[in-house]
All heavy atoms as atom14 arrays in JSON, in Angstrom:
{
  "sequence": "NAPNDKLKDVIALLPGMRSPTVLPLAEEGWSSVHTVINKDKFWEVIDE",
  "atom14_mask": [
    [1, 1, 1, 1, 1, 1, 1, 1, 0, 0, 0, 0, 0, 0],
    [1, 1, 1, 1, 1, 0, 0, 0, 0, 0, 0, 0, 0, 0],
    [1, 1, 1, 1, 1, 1, 1, 0, 0, 0, 0, 0, 0, 0],
    [1, 1, 1, 1, 1, 1, 1, 1, 0, 0, 0, 0, 0, 0],
    [1, 1, 1, 1, 1, 1, 1, 1, 0, 0, 0, 0, 0, 0],
    [1, 1, 1, 1, 1, 1, 1, 1, 1, 0, 0, 0, 0, 0],
    [1, 1, 1, 1, 1, 1, 1, 1, 0, 0, 0, 0, 0, 0],
    [1, 1, 1, 1, 1, 1, 1, 1, 1, 0, 0, 0, 0, 0],
    [1, 1, 1, 1, 1, 1, 1, 1, 0, 0, 0, 0, 0, 0],
    [1, 1, 1, 1, 1, 1, 1, 0, 0, 0, 0, 0, 0, 0],
    [1, 1, 1, 1, 1, 1, 1, 1, 0, 0, 0, 0, 0, 0],
    [1, 1, 1, 1, 1, 0, 0, 0, 0, 0, 0, 0, 0, 0],
    [1, 1, 1, 1, 1, 1, 1, 1, 0, 0, 0, 0, 0, 0],
    [1, 1, 1, 1, 1, 1, 1, 1, 0, 0, 0, 0, 0, 0],
    [1, 1, 1, 1, 1, 1, 1, 0, 0, 0, 0, 0, 0, 0],
    [1, 1, 1, 1, 0, 0, 0, 0, 0, 0, 0, 0, 0, 0],
    [1, 1, 1, 1, 1, 1, 1, 1, 0, 0, 0, 0, 0, 0],
    [1, 1, 1, 1, 1, 1, 1, 1, 1, 1, 1, 0, 0, 0],
    [1, 1, 1, 1, 1, 1, 0, 0, 0, 0, 0, 0, 0, 0],
    [1, 1, 1, 1, 1, 1, 1, 0, 0, 0, 0, 0, 0, 0],
    [1, 1, 1, 1, 1, 1, 1, 0, 0, 0, 0, 0, 0, 0],
    [1, 1, 1, 1, 1, 1, 1, 0, 0, 0, 0, 0, 0, 0],
    [1, 1, 1, 1, 1, 1, 1, 1, 0, 0, 0, 0, 0, 0],
    [1, 1, 1, 1, 1, 1, 1, 0, 0, 0, 0, 0, 0, 0],
    [1, 1, 1, 1, 1, 1, 1, 1, 0, 0, 0, 0, 0, 0],
    [1, 1, 1, 1, 1, 0, 0, 0, 0, 0, 0, 0, 0, 0],
    [1, 1, 1, 1, 1, 1, 1, 1, 1, 0, 0, 0, 0, 0],
    [1, 1, 1, 1, 1, 1, 1, 1, 1, 0, 0, 0, 0, 0],
    [1, 1, 1, 1, 0, 0, 0, 0, 0, 0, 0, 0, 0, 0],
    [1, 1, 1, 1, 1, 1, 1, 1, 1, 1, 1, 1, 1, 1],
    [1, 1, 1, 1, 1, 1, 0, 0, 0, 0, 0, 0, 0, 0],
    [1, 1, 1, 1, 1, 1, 0, 0, 0, 0, 0, 0, 0, 0],
    [1, 1, 1, 1, 1, 1, 1, 0, 0, 0, 0, 0, 0, 0],
    [1, 1, 1, 1, 1, 1, 1, 1, 1, 1, 0, 0, 0, 0],
    [1, 1, 1, 1, 1, 1, 1, 0, 0, 0, 0, 0, 0, 0],
    [1, 1, 1, 1, 1, 1, 1, 0, 0, 0, 0, 0, 0, 0],
    [1, 1, 1, 1, 1, 1, 1, 1, 0, 0, 0, 0, 0, 0],
    [1, 1, 1, 1, 1, 1, 1, 1, 0, 0, 0, 0, 0, 0],
    [1, 1, 1, 1, 1, 1, 1, 1, 1, 0, 0, 0, 0, 0],
    [1, 1, 1, 1, 1, 1, 1, 1, 0, 0, 0, 0, 0, 0],
    [1, 1, 1, 1, 1, 1, 1, 1, 1, 0, 0, 0, 0, 0],
    [1, 1, 1, 1, 1, 1, 1, 1, 1, 1, 1, 0, 0, 0],
    [1, 1, 1, 1, 1, 1, 1, 1, 1, 1, 1, 1, 1, 1],
    [1, 1, 1, 1, 1, 1, 1, 1, 1, 0, 0, 0, 0, 0],
    [1, 1, 1, 1, 1, 1, 1, 0, 0, 0, 0, 0, 0, 0],
    [1, 1, 1, 1, 1, 1, 1, 1, 0, 0, 0, 0, 0, 0],
    [1, 1, 1, 1, 1, 1, 1, 1, 0, 0, 0, 0, 0, 0],
    [1, 1, 1, 1, 1, 1, 1, 1, 1, 0, 0, 0, 0, 0]
  ],
  "atom14_positions": [
    [[2.23, 57.41, -91.7], [1.63, 58.53, -92.43], [0.13, 58.42, -92.33], [-0.43, 57.32, -92.37], [2.07, 58.52, -93.9], [3.58, 58.66, -94.04], [4.22, 59.3, -93.21], [4.13, 58.07, -95.09], [0.0, 0.0, 0.0], [0.0, 0.0, 0.0], [0.0, 0.0, 0.0], [0.0, 0.0, 0.0], [0.0, 0.0, 0.0], [0.0, 0.0, 0.0]],
    [[-0.54, 59.57, -92.25], [-2.0, 59.57, -92.16], [-2.55, 60.81, -92.85], [-1.96, 61.91, -92.73], [-2.45, 59.53, -90.7], [0.0, 0.0, 0.0], [0.0, 0.0, 0.0], [0.0, 0.0, 0.0], [0.0, 0.0, 0.0], [0.0, 0.0, 0.0], [0.0, 0.0, 0.0], [0.0, 0.0, 0.0], [0.0, 0.0, 0.0], [0.0, 0.0, 0.0]],
    [[-3.67, 60.68, -93.55], [-4.32, 61.87, -94.12], [-4.84, 62.75, -92.99], [-5.29, 62.25, -91.95], [-5.47, 61.27, -94.95], [-5.7, 59.92, -94.38], [-4.4, 59.44, -93.84], [0.0, 0.0, 0.0], [0.0, 0.0, 0.0], [0.0, 0.0, 0.0], [0.0, 0.0, 0.0], [0.0, 0.0, 0.0], [0.0, 0.0, 0.0], [0.0, 0.0, 0.0]],
    [[-4.76, 64.05, -93.17], [-5.11, 64.97, -92.09], [-6.56, 64.83, -91.65], [-6.88, 65.07, -90.47], [-4.85, 66.42, -92.53], [-3.36, 66.71, -92.62], [-2.54, 65.97, -92.08], [-3.0, 67.79, -93.31], [0.0, 0.0, 0.0], [0.0, 0.0, 0.0], [0.0, 0.0, 0.0], [0.0, 0.0, 0.0], [0.0, 0.0, 0.0], [0.0, 0.0, 0.0]],
    [[-7.46, 64.44, -92.56], [-8.86, 64.3, -92.16], [-9.1, 63.07, -91.28], [-10.17, 62.91, -90.69], [-9.78, 64.28, -93.38], [-9.47, 63.14, -94.34], [-8.41, 62.49, -94.17], [-10.29, 62.86, -95.23], [0.0, 0.0, 0.0], [0.0, 0.0, 0.0], [0.0, 0.0, 0.0], [0.0, 0.0, 0.0], [0.0, 0.0, 0.0], [0.0, 0.0, 0.0]],
    [[-8.09, 62.17, -91.2], [-8.21, 61.0, -90.33], [-7.23, 61.05, -89.16], [-7.13, 60.1, -88.39], [-7.98, 59.72, -91.14], [-9.05, 59.5, -92.21], [-8.81, 58.21, -92.96], [-9.9, 57.99, -94.02], [-9.67, 56.75, -94.79], [0.0, 0.0, 0.0], [0.0, 0.0, 0.0], [0.0, 0.0, 0.0], [0.0, 0.0, 0.0], [0.0, 0.0, 0.0]],
    [[-6.5, 62.15, -89.07], [-5.45, 62.28, -88.07], [-5.97, 62.15, -86.64], [-5.36, 61.49, -85.79], [-4.75, 63.63, -88.25], [-3.37, 63.81, -87.65], [-2.41, 62.72, -88.11], [-2.82, 65.19, -88.02], [0.0, 0.0, 0.0], [0.0, 0.0, 0.0], [0.0, 0.0, 0.0], [0.0, 0.0, 0.0], [0.0, 0.0, 0.0], [0.0, 0.0, 0.0]],
    [[-7.1, 62.74, -86.36], [-7.67, 62.71, -85.01], [-7.98, 61.28, -84.59], [-7.69, 60.86, -83.45], [-8.94, 63.56, -84.96], [-9.49, 63.75, -83.56], [-10.68, 64.7, -83.57], [-11.24, 64.89, -82.17], [-12.42, 65.81, -82.16], [0.0, 0.0, 0.0], [0.0, 0.0, 0.0], [0.0, 0.0, 0.0], [0.0, 0.0, 0.0], [0.0, 0.0, 0.0]],
    [[-8.54, 60.49, -85.5], [-8.88, 59.09, -85.2], [-7.61, 58.26, -84.98], [-7.57, 57.4, -84.09], [-9.7, 58.47, -86.34], [-11.07, 59.11, -86.47], [-11.56, 59.66, -85.46], [-11.65, 59.06, -87.57], [0.0, 0.0, 0.0], [0.0, 0.0, 0.0], [0.0, 0.0, 0.0], [0.0, 0.0, 0.0], [0.0, 0.0, 0.0], [0.0, 0.0, 0.0]],
    [[-6.58, 58.51, -85.79], [-5.32, 57.78, -85.66], [-4.66, 58.09, -84.32], [-4.24, 57.19, -83.58], [-4.37, 58.13, -86.83], [-2.95, 57.63, -86.54], [-4.89, 57.53, -88.12], [0.0, 0.0, 0.0], [0.0, 0.0, 0.0], [0.0, 0.0, 0.0], [0.0, 0.0, 0.0], [0.0, 0.0, 0.0], [0.0, 0.0, 0.0], [0.0, 0.0, 0.0]],
    [[-4.59, 59.37, -83.96], [-3.94, 59.78, -82.71], [-4.67, 59.2, -81.5], [-4.05, 58.83, -80.5], [-3.86, 61.32, -82.63], [-2.85, 61.83, -83.66], [-3.48, 61.79, -81.23], [-2.81, 63.34, -83.79], [0.0, 0.0, 0.0], [0.0, 0.0, 0.0], [0.0, 0.0, 0.0], [0.0, 0.0, 0.0], [0.0, 0.0, 0.0], [0.0, 0.0, 0.0]],
    [[-5.99, 59.09, -81.61], [-6.78, 58.55, -80.49], [-6.42, 57.11, -80.16], [-6.63, 56.64, -79.05], [-8.27, 58.67, -80.81], [0.0, 0.0, 0.0], [0.0, 0.0, 0.0], [0.0, 0.0, 0.0], [0.0, 0.0, 0.0], [0.0, 0.0, 0.0], [0.0, 0.0, 0.0], [0.0, 0.0, 0.0], [0.0, 0.0, 0.0], [0.0, 0.0, 0.0]],
    [[-5.85, 56.4, -81.15], [-5.49, 54.99, -80.94], [-4.1, 54.82, -80.34], [-3.73, 53.72, -79.92], [-5.53, 54.24, -82.28], [-6.9, 54.12, -82.95], [-6.73, 53.57, -84.36], [-7.82, 53.23, -82.12], [0.0, 0.0, 0.0], [0.0, 0.0, 0.0], [0.0, 0.0, 0.0], [0.0, 0.0, 0.0], [0.0, 0.0, 0.0], [0.0, 0.0, 0.0]],
    [[-3.32, 55.9, -80.3], [-1.91, 55.8, -79.91], [-1.72, 56.02, -78.42], [-2.16, 57.04, -77.87], [-1.07, 56.81, -80.69], [-1.07, 56.61, -82.21], [-0.34, 57.75, -82.89], [-0.43, 55.28, -82.57], [0.0, 0.0, 0.0], [0.0, 0.0, 0.0], [0.0, 0.0, 0.0], [0.0, 0.0, 0.0], [0.0, 0.0, 0.0], [0.0, 0.0, 0.0]],
    [[-1.05, 55.06, -77.77], [-0.86, 55.16, -76.32], [0.46, 55.81, -75.92], [0.92, 55.64, -74.83], [-0.85, 53.68, -75.9], [-0.22, 52.99, -77.06], [-0.62, 53.78, -78.29], [0.0, 0.0, 0.0], [0.0, 0.0, 0.0], [0.0, 0.0, 0.0], [0.0, 0.0, 0.0], [0.0, 0.0, 0.0], [0.0, 0.0, 0.0], [0.0, 0.0, 0.0]],
    [[1.12, 56.6, -76.8], [2.48, 57.12, -76.64], [2.9, 57.5, -75.23], [2.13, 57.47, -74.3], [0.0, 0.0, 0.0], [0.0, 0.0, 0.0], [0.0, 0.0, 0.0], [0.0, 0.0, 0.0], [0.0, 0.0, 0.0], [0.0, 0.0, 0.0], [0.0, 0.0, 0.0], [0.0, 0.0, 0.0], [0.0, 0.0, 0.0], [0.0, 0.0, 0.0]],
    [[4.16, 57.86, -75.08], [4.71, 58.21, -73.77], [3.96, 59.41, -73.18], [3.61, 59.43, -72.01], [6.2, 58.53, -73.91], [7.04, 57.32, -74.3], [8.71, 57.75, -74.8], [9.4, 58.35, -73.27], [0.0, 0.0, 0.0], [0.0, 0.0, 0.0], [0.0, 0.0, 0.0], [0.0, 0.0, 0.0], [0.0, 0.0, 0.0], [0.0, 0.0, 0.0]],
    [[3.72, 60.43, -73.95], [2.87, 61.55, -73.54], [1.85, 61.8, -74.65], [0.68, 61.52, -74.51], [3.71, 62.79, -73.25], [4.46, 62.69, -71.93], [5.03, 64.0, -71.49], [5.71, 63.86, -70.21], [6.46, 64.79, -69.65], [6.62, 65.95, -70.26], [7.06, 64.59, -68.49], [0.0, 0.0, 0.0], [0.0, 0.0, 0.0], [0.0, 0.0, 0.0]],
    [[2.34, 62.35, -75.75], [1.5, 62.49, -76.93], [2.39, 62.29, -78.15], [3.6, 62.54, -78.08], [0.83, 63.87, -76.96], [1.82, 64.88, -77.06], [0.0, 0.0, 0.0], [0.0, 0.0, 0.0], [0.0, 0.0, 0.0], [0.0, 0.0, 0.0], [0.0, 0.0, 0.0], [0.0, 0.0, 0.0], [0.0, 0.0, 0.0], [0.0, 0.0, 0.0]],
    [[1.84, 61.83, -79.25], [2.67, 61.57, -80.43], [3.2, 62.86, -81.05], [2.65, 63.94, -80.85], [1.71, 60.85, -81.37], [0.35, 61.29, -80.95], [0.44, 61.48, -79.46], [0.0, 0.0, 0.0], [0.0, 0.0, 0.0], [0.0, 0.0, 0.0], [0.0, 0.0, 0.0], [0.0, 0.0, 0.0], [0.0, 0.0, 0.0], [0.0, 0.0, 0.0]],
    [[4.3, 62.72, -81.79], [4.84, 63.82, -82.56], [4.17, 63.81, -83.94], [4.11, 62.77, -84.59], [6.37, 63.67, -82.73], [6.97, 63.66, -81.43], [6.94, 64.8, -83.56], [0.0, 0.0, 0.0], [0.0, 0.0, 0.0], [0.0, 0.0, 0.0], [0.0, 0.0, 0.0], [0.0, 0.0, 0.0], [0.0, 0.0, 0.0], [0.0, 0.0, 0.0]],
    [[3.66, 64.96, -84.36], [2.97, 65.06, -85.65], [3.7, 66.1, -86.49], [3.87, 67.26, -86.08], [1.49, 65.45, -85.48], [0.81, 65.55, -86.85], [0.77, 64.44, -84.6], [0.0, 0.0, 0.0], [0.0, 0.0, 0.0], [0.0, 0.0, 0.0], [0.0, 0.0, 0.0], [0.0, 0.0, 0.0], [0.0, 0.0, 0.0], [0.0, 0.0, 0.0]],
    [[4.14, 65.7, -87.69], [4.87, 66.59, -88.6], [4.19, 66.59, -89.96], [3.75, 65.54, -90.43], [6.32, 66.11, -88.75], [7.16, 66.03, -87.46], [8.48, 65.3, -87.75], [7.42, 67.4, -86.91], [0.0, 0.0, 0.0], [0.0, 0.0, 0.0], [0.0, 0.0, 0.0], [0.0, 0.0, 0.0], [0.0, 0.0, 0.0], [0.0, 0.0, 0.0]],
    [[4.1, 67.77, -90.61], [3.49, 67.81, -91.96], [4.4, 67.15, -92.98], [5.63, 67.27, -92.93], [3.35, 69.31, -92.22], [4.39, 69.95, -91.36], [4.52, 69.09, -90.13], [0.0, 0.0, 0.0], [0.0, 0.0, 0.0], [0.0, 0.0, 0.0], [0.0, 0.0, 0.0], [0.0, 0.0, 0.0], [0.0, 0.0, 0.0], [0.0, 0.0, 0.0]],
    [[3.8, 66.42, -93.93], [4.55, 65.84, -95.04], [4.62, 66.84, -96.2], [3.85, 67.81, -96.26], [3.87, 64.55, -95.51], [3.94, 63.34, -94.58], [3.2, 62.17, -95.21], [5.38, 62.95, -94.27], [0.0, 0.0, 0.0], [0.0, 0.0, 0.0], [0.0, 0.0, 0.0], [0.0, 0.0, 0.0], [0.0, 0.0, 0.0], [0.0, 0.0, 0.0]],
    [[5.54, 66.57, -97.13], [5.66, 67.43, -98.31], [4.37, 67.4, -99.13], [3.97, 68.4, -99.74], [6.84, 66.99, -99.16], [0.0, 0.0, 0.0], [0.0, 0.0, 0.0], [0.0, 0.0, 0.0], [0.0, 0.0, 0.0], [0.0, 0.0, 0.0], [0.0, 0.0, 0.0], [0.0, 0.0, 0.0], [0.0, 0.0, 0.0], [0.0, 0.0, 0.0]],
    [[3.71, 66.24, -99.13], [2.43, 66.1, -99.85], [1.33, 66.75, -99.02], [1.09, 66.37, -97.87], [2.12, 64.63, -100.09], [0.85, 64.42, -100.91], [0.57, 62.95, -101.18], [1.48, 62.12, -100.97], [-0.55, 62.65, -101.61], [0.0, 0.0, 0.0], [0.0, 0.0, 0.0], [0.0, 0.0, 0.0], [0.0, 0.0, 0.0], [0.0, 0.0, 0.0]],
    [[0.67, 67.72, -99.58], [-0.36, 68.47, -98.86], [-1.5, 67.55, -98.43], [-1.9, 66.64, -99.14], [-0.91, 69.58, -99.76], [-1.76, 70.58, -99.0], [-2.17, 71.76, -99.87], [-1.55, 71.97, -100.93], [-3.13, 72.45, -99.49], [0.0, 0.0, 0.0], [0.0, 0.0, 0.0], [0.0, 0.0, 0.0], [0.0, 0.0, 0.0], [0.0, 0.0, 0.0]],
    [[-1.97, 67.79, -97.2], [-3.09, 67.01, -96.67], [-2.67, 65.76, -95.92], [-3.54, 65.01, -95.46], [0.0, 0.0, 0.0], [0.0, 0.0, 0.0], [0.0, 0.0, 0.0], [0.0, 0.0, 0.0], [0.0, 0.0, 0.0], [0.0, 0.0, 0.0], [0.0, 0.0, 0.0], [0.0, 0.0, 0.0], [0.0, 0.0, 0.0], [0.0, 0.0, 0.0]],
    [[-1.37, 65.55, -95.79], [-0.87, 64.38, -95.08], [0.1, 64.79, -93.96], [0.78, 65.81, -94.06], [-0.13, 63.44, -96.03], [-1.08, 62.64, -96.9], [-1.73, 63.08, -98.01], [-1.44, 61.28, -96.72], [-2.51, 62.09, -98.54], [-2.34, 60.95, -97.77], [-1.11, 60.3, -95.79], [-2.9, 59.69, -97.9], [-1.66, 59.03, -95.94], [-2.55, 58.73, -96.97]],
    [[0.17, 63.94, -92.91], [1.09, 64.18, -91.8], [1.82, 62.89, -91.44], [1.31, 61.79, -91.7], [0.34, 64.69, -90.56], [-0.19, 65.98, -90.8], [0.0, 0.0, 0.0], [0.0, 0.0, 0.0], [0.0, 0.0, 0.0], [0.0, 0.0, 0.0], [0.0, 0.0, 0.0], [0.0, 0.0, 0.0], [0.0, 0.0, 0.0], [0.0, 0.0, 0.0]],
    [[2.99, 63.06, -90.87], [3.76, 61.93, -90.34], [3.6, 61.92, -88.82], [3.73, 62.96, -88.17], [5.24, 62.09, -90.72], [6.02, 61.09, -90.1], [0.0, 0.0, 0.0], [0.0, 0.0, 0.0], [0.0, 0.0, 0.0], [0.0, 0.0, 0.0], [0.0, 0.0, 0.0], [0.0, 0.0, 0.0], [0.0, 0.0, 0.0], [0.0, 0.0, 0.0]],
    [[3.3, 60.74, -88.28], [3.08, 60.59, -86.84], [4.14, 59.67, -86.25], [4.38, 58.58, -86.79], [1.67, 60.02, -86.55], [1.43, 59.89, -85.05], [0.6, 60.91, -87.18], [0.0, 0.0, 0.0], [0.0, 0.0, 0.0], [0.0, 0.0, 0.0], [0.0, 0.0, 0.0], [0.0, 0.0, 0.0], [0.0, 0.0, 0.0], [0.0, 0.0, 0.0]],
    [[4.79, 60.09, -85.19], [5.82, 59.32, -84.52], [5.37, 59.04, -83.08], [4.95, 59.96, -82.38], [7.15, 60.09, -84.46], [7.7, 60.45, -85.8], [9.05, 60.43, -86.08], [7.1, 60.83, -86.97], [9.25, 60.8, -87.33], [8.08, 61.05, -87.88], [0.0, 0.0, 0.0], [0.0, 0.0, 0.0], [0.0, 0.0, 0.0], [0.0, 0.0, 0.0]],
    [[5.5, 57.79, -82.64], [5.09, 57.46, -81.28], [5.78, 56.18, -80.81], [6.53, 55.54, -81.55], [3.56, 57.29, -81.19], [3.17, 57.25, -79.81], [3.1, 56.01, -81.89], [0.0, 0.0, 0.0], [0.0, 0.0, 0.0], [0.0, 0.0, 0.0], [0.0, 0.0, 0.0], [0.0, 0.0, 0.0], [0.0, 0.0, 0.0], [0.0, 0.0, 0.0]],
    [[5.52, 55.81, -79.56], [6.06, 54.59, -78.95], [4.89, 53.72, -78.54], [3.93, 54.19, -77.93], [6.94, 54.93, -77.72], [7.35, 53.65, -77.0], [8.16, 55.72, -78.15], [0.0, 0.0, 0.0], [0.0, 0.0, 0.0], [0.0, 0.0, 0.0], [0.0, 0.0, 0.0], [0.0, 0.0, 0.0], [0.0, 0.0, 0.0], [0.0, 0.0, 0.0]],
    [[4.97, 52.42, -78.87], [3.9, 51.47, -78.54], [4.48, 50.32, -77.74], [5.55, 49.79, -78.06], [3.23, 50.92, -79.82], [2.56, 52.06, -80.6], [2.22, 49.83, -79.49], [1.92, 51.62, -81.91], [0.0, 0.0, 0.0], [0.0, 0.0, 0.0], [0.0, 0.0, 0.0], [0.0, 0.0, 0.0], [0.0, 0.0, 0.0], [0.0, 0.0, 0.0]],
    [[3.78, 49.92, -76.69], [4.17, 48.76, -75.91], [4.11, 47.51, -76.78], [3.14, 47.28, -77.49], [3.25, 48.6, -74.7], [3.7, 47.5, -73.76], [3.63, 46.32, -74.09], [4.16, 47.88, -72.58], [0.0, 0.0, 0.0], [0.0, 0.0, 0.0], [0.0, 0.0, 0.0], [0.0, 0.0, 0.0], [0.0, 0.0, 0.0], [0.0, 0.0, 0.0]],
    [[5.18, 46.69, -76.73], [5.25, 45.55, -77.65], [4.16, 44.51, -77.39], [3.76, 43.79, -78.3], [6.62, 44.88, -77.56], [6.9, 44.11, -76.3], [8.22, 43.35, -76.41], [8.4, 42.42, -75.23], [9.63, 41.62, -75.33], [0.0, 0.0, 0.0], [0.0, 0.0, 0.0], [0.0, 0.0, 0.0], [0.0, 0.0, 0.0], [0.0, 0.0, 0.0]],
    [[3.61, 44.45, -76.16], [2.55, 43.49, -75.85], [1.24, 43.86, -76.56], [0.39, 43.0, -76.78], [2.32, 43.42, -74.34], [3.51, 42.81, -73.61], [4.25, 42.03, -74.24], [3.72, 43.13, -72.42], [0.0, 0.0, 0.0], [0.0, 0.0, 0.0], [0.0, 0.0, 0.0], [0.0, 0.0, 0.0], [0.0, 0.0, 0.0], [0.0, 0.0, 0.0]],
    [[1.06, 45.15, -76.88], [-0.17, 45.59, -77.54], [0.07, 45.94, -79.02], [-0.81, 46.45, -79.7], [-0.74, 46.82, -76.82], [-1.11, 46.57, -75.36], [-1.6, 47.84, -74.71], [-1.96, 47.59, -73.25], [-2.4, 48.83, -72.56], [0.0, 0.0, 0.0], [0.0, 0.0, 0.0], [0.0, 0.0, 0.0], [0.0, 0.0, 0.0], [0.0, 0.0, 0.0]],
    [[1.28, 45.66, -79.45], [1.74, 46.16, -80.74], [0.83, 45.77, -81.9], [0.32, 46.63, -82.61], [3.18, 45.69, -80.99], [3.69, 46.01, -82.35], [4.03, 47.31, -82.67], [3.81, 45.02, -83.32], [4.5, 47.62, -83.94], [4.28, 45.33, -84.58], [4.62, 46.63, -84.89], [0.0, 0.0, 0.0], [0.0, 0.0, 0.0], [0.0, 0.0, 0.0]],
    [[0.63, 44.46, -82.13], [-0.11, 44.04, -83.31], [-1.57, 44.48, -83.26], [-2.17, 44.83, -84.29], [-0.01, 42.52, -83.48], [1.34, 42.11, -83.98], [2.3, 41.41, -83.3], [1.9, 42.42, -85.27], [3.43, 41.26, -84.07], [3.21, 41.87, -85.29], [1.44, 43.1, -86.39], [4.05, 41.98, -86.4], [2.27, 43.21, -87.49], [3.56, 42.65, -87.49]],
    [[-2.12, 44.48, -82.08], [-3.51, 44.93, -81.92], [-3.64, 46.39, -82.34], [-4.57, 46.77, -83.07], [-3.92, 44.74, -80.46], [-5.3, 45.26, -80.12], [-5.57, 45.21, -78.62], [-4.92, 44.4, -77.91], [-6.41, 45.97, -78.17], [0.0, 0.0, 0.0], [0.0, 0.0, 0.0], [0.0, 0.0, 0.0], [0.0, 0.0, 0.0], [0.0, 0.0, 0.0]],
    [[-2.7, 47.24, -81.89], [-2.73, 48.67, -82.22], [-2.47, 48.88, -83.71], [-3.13, 49.71, -84.36], [-1.7, 49.44, -81.37], [-1.61, 50.9, -81.83], [-2.07, 49.39, -79.9], [0.0, 0.0, 0.0], [0.0, 0.0, 0.0], [0.0, 0.0, 0.0], [0.0, 0.0, 0.0], [0.0, 0.0, 0.0], [0.0, 0.0, 0.0], [0.0, 0.0, 0.0]],
    [[-1.52, 48.14, -84.29], [-1.2, 48.28, -85.72], [-2.43, 47.98, -86.58], [-2.73, 48.7, -87.54], [-0.02, 47.37, -86.11], [1.27, 47.85, -85.46], [0.13, 47.3, -87.63], [1.73, 49.22, -85.88], [0.0, 0.0, 0.0], [0.0, 0.0, 0.0], [0.0, 0.0, 0.0], [0.0, 0.0, 0.0], [0.0, 0.0, 0.0], [0.0, 0.0, 0.0]],
    [[-3.14, 46.92, -86.24], [-4.36, 46.56, -87.0], [-5.38, 47.7, -86.93], [-6.02, 48.05, -87.94], [-4.98, 45.27, -86.44], [-4.16, 44.04, -86.8], [-3.36, 44.12, -87.75], [-4.3, 43.01, -86.11], [0.0, 0.0, 0.0], [0.0, 0.0, 0.0], [0.0, 0.0, 0.0], [0.0, 0.0, 0.0], [0.0, 0.0, 0.0], [0.0, 0.0, 0.0]],
    [[-5.55, 48.28, -85.75], [-6.52, 49.38, -85.58], [-6.08, 50.62, -86.35], [-6.91, 51.35, -86.92], [-6.69, 49.69, -84.09], [-7.38, 48.59, -83.31], [-7.44, 48.89, -81.82], [-6.74, 49.81, -81.38], [-8.19, 48.19, -81.11], [0.0, 0.0, 0.0], [0.0, 0.0, 0.0], [0.0, 0.0, 0.0], [0.0, 0.0, 0.0], [0.0, 0.0, 0.0]]
  ]
}
């Protein structure tokens, strides 16, 4: 989950297969982001 005002920065960090899936949450101003991350870069990406 990410606040919409930080969504662009979050998506920029994601190396997904093509582009991540972004869905609005019930709580206004927030979105759910779904993606795939290579396990070799996993912890580094999670920290970022």
